[in-house]
Amino acid sequence: MNNLANEIYQAIVKHTAWKKRLHQVIETGKKTQDIDVEHCELGKWLKEHAALLSSHRHYSSIVDLHNKLHKEADQIVNLASRGRTTEAKMAIEYGSEFEHLSQNLVRNIIAWHDVVTKK
């Protein structure tokens, strides 16, 4: 696997770890810095390597989906931090806007990975 393909694969791993931390924040109601878009490992990677990555056709849709996902997550964290845990949990369940964005993000990352590995 080439280096970019490996980095794209790691993006999926990072996204999964981030979602796990988000679930922990909802359970505890305590916001941690590492779920913010500025501290997200996937977001950092997309931003730090924008000059190289932006030439790929999947890049802009991934950045857009990633930003929308974090905006949705911020609203969910705000619910949890105000003690509205049940609503926060419902907002990340299957069928929610958050989950829809998350699945689209992963599908786009996988599609990008498939393009890169076929080159």
Protein backbone atom coordinates (compact mmCIF):
# COMPACT_ATOMS: atom_id res chain seq x y z
CA MET A 1 0.00 0.00 0.00
CA ASN A 2 1.40 3.40 -0.93
CA ASN A 3 1.91 6.12 1.67
CA LEU A 4 -1.14 8.20 0.72
CA ALA A 5 -3.37 5.12 0.71
CA ASN A 6 -2.13 4.29 4.20
CA GLU A 7 -2.78 7.84 5.40
CA ILE A 8 -6.30 7.71 3.99
CA TYR A 9 -6.89 4.38 5.72
CA GLN A 10 -5.65 5.95 8.97
CA ALA A 11 -8.19 8.74 8.45
CA ILE A 12 -10.96 6.16 8.89
CA VAL A 13 -9.28 4.84 12.03
CA LYS A 14 -8.96 8.37 13.42
CA HIS A 15 -12.59 9.12 12.65
CA THR A 16 -13.70 5.98 14.46
CA ALA A 17 -11.61 6.87 17.53
CA TRP A 18 -13.05 10.39 17.50
CA LYS A 19 -16.61 9.03 17.44
CA LYS A 20 -15.79 6.83 20.42
CA ARG A 21 -14.57 9.89 22.35
CA LEU A 22 -17.75 11.74 21.38
CA HIS A 23 -19.83 8.91 22.83
CA GLN A 24 -17.82 9.19 26.06
CA VAL A 25 -18.49 12.92 26.22
CA ILE A 26 -22.20 12.28 25.84
CA GLU A 27 -22.14 9.64 28.57
CA THR A 28 -20.30 11.90 31.02
CA GLY A 29 -21.69 15.27 29.93
CA LYS A 30 -18.17 16.68 30.09
CA LYS A 31 -16.73 18.23 26.95
CA THR A 32 -13.13 17.46 26.21
CA GLN A 33 -10.96 19.49 23.92
CA ASP A 34 -10.03 16.59 21.63
CA ILE A 35 -13.45 16.34 19.99
CA ASP A 36 -13.32 19.89 18.62
CA VAL A 37 -12.65 20.28 14.91
CA GLU A 38 -9.39 22.14 15.62
CA HIS A 39 -8.09 19.21 17.67
CA CYS A 40 -9.45 16.37 15.54
CA GLU A 41 -6.65 14.25 14.08
CA LEU A 42 -8.49 13.83 10.78
CA GLY A 43 -9.11 17.57 10.55
CA LYS A 44 -5.48 18.36 11.33
CA TRP A 45 -4.29 15.95 8.63
CA LEU A 46 -6.69 17.38 6.04
CA LYS A 47 -5.60 20.94 6.83
CA GLU A 48 -1.84 20.34 7.20
CA HIS A 49 -1.63 18.49 3.88
CA ALA A 50 -4.18 20.56 1.96
CA ALA A 51 -1.65 21.59 -0.70
CA LEU A 52 -1.03 17.95 -1.63
CA LEU A 53 -4.47 16.52 -0.93
CA SER A 54 -6.64 19.20 -2.52
CA SER A 55 -5.73 18.01 -6.02
CA HIS A 56 -7.69 14.81 -5.38
CA ARG A 57 -11.36 14.94 -6.39
CA HIS A 58 -12.63 13.51 -3.07
CA TYR A 59 -10.81 16.06 -0.92
CA SER A 60 -13.27 18.97 -1.02
CA SER A 61 -16.33 16.80 -0.30
CA ILE A 62 -14.50 15.14 2.60
CA VAL A 63 -13.54 18.51 4.08
CA ASP A 64 -17.12 19.73 3.69
CA LEU A 65 -18.62 16.61 5.29
CA HIS A 66 -16.03 16.72 8.06
CA ASN A 67 -16.89 20.31 8.91
CA LYS A 68 -20.64 19.61 8.87
CA LEU A 69 -20.11 16.58 11.11
CA HIS A 70 -18.26 18.68 13.67
CA LYS A 71 -20.98 21.34 13.65
CA GLU A 72 -23.56 18.64 14.32
CA ALA A 73 -21.33 17.14 17.04
CA ASP A 74 -21.03 20.55 18.72
CA GLN A 75 -24.81 20.76 18.99
CA ILE A 76 -24.93 17.24 20.42
CA VAL A 77 -22.21 18.00 22.97
CA ASN A 78 -24.11 21.13 23.99
CA LEU A 79 -27.16 18.98 24.69
CA ALA A 80 -25.11 16.57 26.79
CA SER A 81 -23.36 19.35 28.71
CA ARG A 82 -26.78 20.79 29.65
CA GLY A 83 -27.85 17.42 31.07
CA ARG A 84 -29.97 16.49 28.08
CA THR A 85 -28.23 13.12 27.70
CA THR A 86 -31.22 11.26 26.25
CA GLU A 87 -31.59 13.82 23.47
CA ALA A 88 -27.85 13.76 22.82
CA LYS A 89 -27.88 9.97 22.54
CA MET A 90 -30.81 10.10 20.15
CA ALA A 91 -28.93 12.66 18.05
CA ILE A 92 -26.11 10.19 17.34
CA GLU A 93 -28.22 7.09 16.80
CA TYR A 94 -28.65 5.34 13.49
CA GLY A 95 -30.85 7.46 11.23
CA SER A 96 -29.79 10.76 12.80
CA GLU A 97 -28.27 13.62 10.83
CA PHE A 98 -25.01 13.03 12.67
CA GLU A 99 -24.88 9.37 11.66
CA HIS A 100 -25.86 10.23 8.09
CA LEU A 101 -22.96 12.70 7.87
CA SER A 102 -20.58 10.23 9.50
CA GLN A 103 -21.50 7.45 7.07
CA ASN A 104 -21.16 9.76 4.08
CA LEU A 105 -17.77 10.91 5.32
CA VAL A 106 -16.53 7.33 5.68
CA ARG A 107 -17.95 6.35 2.26
CA ASN A 108 -16.10 9.26 0.67
CA ILE A 109 -12.86 8.39 2.43
CA ILE A 110 -13.18 4.75 1.31
CA ALA A 111 -13.88 5.85 -2.27
CA TRP A 112 -10.78 8.07 -2.15
CA HIS A 113 -8.75 5.17 -0.77
CA ASP A 114 -9.99 2.91 -3.57
CA VAL A 115 -8.97 5.45 -6.23
CA VAL A 116 -5.51 5.89 -4.72
CA THR A 117 -4.84 2.15 -4.36
CA LYS A 118 -5.80 1.47 -7.99
CA LYS A 119 -3.18 3.87 -9.33
